[in-house]
Amino acid sequence: MERPTRSPRPPAYLRGEDTPLIRPYLIAWEREQERRRQMDRRTAATLATLGIDFHGVTA
């Protein structure tokens, strides 16, 4: 009894565009930046009620 022959298929390669590989430290850094921007916006809004200009730290 003969084994059925397989048709040669190209190997399945992982493409960078198809996989959501995101480094955890990058996500943590982005979240920290957004948290700081939000805090600066809140501080600026609070100080604006007192007539004080606030220019937050932007990094």
N, C-alpha and C. Protein backbone atom coordinates (compact mmCIF):
# COMPACT_ATOMS: atom_id res chain seq x y z
N MET A 1 0.85 -1.18 0.00
CA MET A 1 0.00 0.00 0.00
C MET A 1 0.89 1.24 0.00
N GLU A 2 0.60 2.12 -0.94
CA GLU A 2 1.42 3.33 -1.07
C GLU A 2 0.80 4.47 -0.27
N ARG A 3 1.68 5.28 0.27
CA ARG A 3 1.22 6.47 0.99
C ARG A 3 0.86 7.56 0.00
N PRO A 4 -0.19 8.29 0.28
CA PRO A 4 -0.51 9.40 -0.63
C PRO A 4 0.58 10.47 -0.55
N THR A 5 0.90 11.03 -1.66
CA THR A 5 1.95 12.06 -1.68
C THR A 5 1.32 13.40 -1.34
N ARG A 6 2.06 14.18 -0.60
CA ARG A 6 1.61 15.52 -0.23
C ARG A 6 2.05 16.51 -1.28
N SER A 7 1.23 17.48 -1.49
CA SER A 7 1.67 18.56 -2.37
C SER A 7 2.54 19.49 -1.54
N PRO A 8 3.67 19.88 -2.10
CA PRO A 8 4.57 20.75 -1.31
C PRO A 8 3.94 22.12 -1.11
N ARG A 9 3.83 22.51 0.14
CA ARG A 9 3.31 23.82 0.50
C ARG A 9 4.45 24.67 1.04
N PRO A 10 4.44 25.94 0.72
CA PRO A 10 5.48 26.79 1.32
C PRO A 10 5.25 26.87 2.83
N PRO A 11 6.31 26.97 3.59
CA PRO A 11 6.15 27.06 5.05
C PRO A 11 5.43 28.35 5.42
N ALA A 12 4.66 28.29 6.47
CA ALA A 12 3.92 29.46 6.93
C ALA A 12 4.85 30.34 7.77
N TYR A 13 5.19 31.48 7.22
CA TYR A 13 6.06 32.41 7.92
C TYR A 13 5.21 33.43 8.68
N LEU A 14 5.71 33.85 9.81
CA LEU A 14 5.05 34.92 10.55
C LEU A 14 5.50 36.25 9.97
N ARG A 15 4.54 37.07 9.64
CA ARG A 15 4.85 38.40 9.15
C ARG A 15 4.59 39.40 10.27
N GLY A 16 5.44 40.37 10.37
CA GLY A 16 5.30 41.37 11.42
C GLY A 16 4.00 42.14 11.35
N GLU A 17 3.48 42.32 10.14
CA GLU A 17 2.24 43.07 9.99
C GLU A 17 1.05 42.28 10.48
N ASP A 18 1.18 40.95 10.54
CA ASP A 18 0.04 40.10 10.90
C ASP A 18 -0.03 39.76 12.38
N THR A 19 1.00 40.04 13.12
CA THR A 19 1.01 39.67 14.53
C THR A 19 1.09 40.92 15.41
N PRO A 20 0.27 40.99 16.43
CA PRO A 20 0.28 42.17 17.31
C PRO A 20 1.35 42.06 18.41
N LEU A 21 2.60 42.06 18.02
CA LEU A 21 3.67 41.97 19.01
C LEU A 21 4.03 43.38 19.45
N ILE A 22 3.71 43.69 20.68
CA ILE A 22 4.02 45.01 21.24
C ILE A 22 4.80 44.78 22.52
N ARG A 23 5.88 45.48 22.63
CA ARG A 23 6.72 45.30 23.81
C ARG A 23 6.04 45.93 25.02
N PRO A 24 5.98 45.19 26.14
CA PRO A 24 5.28 45.69 27.34
C PRO A 24 5.83 47.00 27.86
N TYR A 25 7.16 47.20 27.76
CA TYR A 25 7.71 48.45 28.29
C TYR A 25 7.27 49.63 27.44
N LEU A 26 6.99 49.42 26.17
CA LEU A 26 6.51 50.51 25.33
C LEU A 26 5.09 50.91 25.73
N ILE A 27 4.27 49.92 25.99
CA ILE A 27 2.90 50.20 26.42
C ILE A 27 2.91 50.93 27.76
N ALA A 28 3.76 50.49 28.67
CA ALA A 28 3.84 51.13 29.99
C ALA A 28 4.28 52.59 29.84
N TRP A 29 5.25 52.84 28.95
CA TRP A 29 5.73 54.21 28.76
C TRP A 29 4.63 55.09 28.18
N GLU A 30 3.89 54.56 27.18
CA GLU A 30 2.80 55.34 26.59
C GLU A 30 1.71 55.64 27.60
N ARG A 31 1.39 54.68 28.44
CA ARG A 31 0.36 54.91 29.47
C ARG A 31 0.82 55.96 30.47
N GLU A 32 2.09 55.92 30.84
CA GLU A 32 2.64 56.91 31.77
C GLU A 32 2.59 58.31 31.15
N GLN A 33 2.93 58.42 29.88
CA GLN A 33 2.88 59.71 29.20
C GLN A 33 1.46 60.25 29.16
N GLU A 34 0.51 59.39 28.85
CA GLU A 34 -0.89 59.82 28.81
C GLU A 34 -1.38 60.23 30.19
N ARG A 35 -0.96 59.50 31.23
CA ARG A 35 -1.34 59.84 32.60
C ARG A 35 -0.80 61.22 32.98
N ARG A 36 0.44 61.50 32.59
CA ARG A 36 1.03 62.81 32.90
C ARG A 36 0.34 63.94 32.15
N ARG A 37 0.00 63.69 30.87
CA ARG A 37 -0.72 64.71 30.11
C ARG A 37 -2.07 65.00 30.73
N GLN A 38 -2.76 63.96 31.17
CA GLN A 38 -4.07 64.14 31.81
C GLN A 38 -3.92 64.94 33.11
N MET A 39 -2.89 64.64 33.87
CA MET A 39 -2.67 65.35 35.13
C MET A 39 -2.36 66.83 34.84
N ASP A 40 -1.56 67.09 33.79
CA ASP A 40 -1.27 68.48 33.42
C ASP A 40 -2.53 69.22 32.99
N ARG A 41 -3.40 68.54 32.24
CA ARG A 41 -4.65 69.18 31.82
C ARG A 41 -5.52 69.53 33.02
N ARG A 42 -5.59 68.63 33.97
CA ARG A 42 -6.40 68.89 35.17
C ARG A 42 -5.81 70.01 36.00
N THR A 43 -4.49 70.01 36.12
CA THR A 43 -3.83 71.07 36.89
C THR A 43 -4.05 72.42 36.21
N ALA A 44 -3.91 72.45 34.88
CA ALA A 44 -4.11 73.70 34.15
C ALA A 44 -5.54 74.20 34.31
N ALA A 45 -6.51 73.30 34.27
CA ALA A 45 -7.92 73.70 34.42
C ALA A 45 -8.18 74.24 35.82
N THR A 46 -7.60 73.61 36.82
CA THR A 46 -7.79 74.06 38.20
C THR A 46 -7.16 75.43 38.41
N LEU A 47 -5.92 75.60 37.93
CA LEU A 47 -5.23 76.87 38.11
C LEU A 47 -5.87 77.98 37.28
N ALA A 48 -6.48 77.62 36.15
CA ALA A 48 -7.14 78.63 35.31
C ALA A 48 -8.30 79.28 36.06
N THR A 49 -8.95 78.54 36.95
CA THR A 49 -10.04 79.13 37.73
C THR A 49 -9.52 80.19 38.69
N LEU A 50 -8.23 80.12 39.01
CA LEU A 50 -7.60 81.11 39.90
C LEU A 50 -6.89 82.20 39.11
N GLY A 51 -6.92 82.11 37.77
CA GLY A 51 -6.27 83.12 36.95
C GLY A 51 -4.78 82.90 36.79
N ILE A 52 -4.32 81.69 37.01
CA ILE A 52 -2.89 81.38 36.91
C ILE A 52 -2.65 80.54 35.64
N ASP A 53 -1.66 80.98 34.85
CA ASP A 53 -1.30 80.20 33.66
C ASP A 53 -0.39 79.05 34.09
N PHE A 54 -0.64 77.90 33.51
CA PHE A 54 0.17 76.71 33.81
C PHE A 54 0.57 76.08 32.49
N HIS A 55 1.86 75.92 32.32
CA HIS A 55 2.38 75.23 31.14
C HIS A 55 3.03 73.95 31.64
N GLY A 56 2.36 72.84 31.44
CA GLY A 56 2.82 71.57 31.96
C GLY A 56 4.10 71.09 31.30
N VAL A 57 4.69 70.12 31.92
CA VAL A 57 5.90 69.52 31.40
C VAL A 57 5.50 68.56 30.29
N THR A 58 6.01 68.80 29.10
CA THR A 58 5.73 67.88 28.00
C THR A 58 7.02 67.19 27.62
N ALA A 59 6.97 65.89 27.61
CA ALA A 59 8.17 65.12 27.28
C ALA A 59 7.91 64.29 26.07
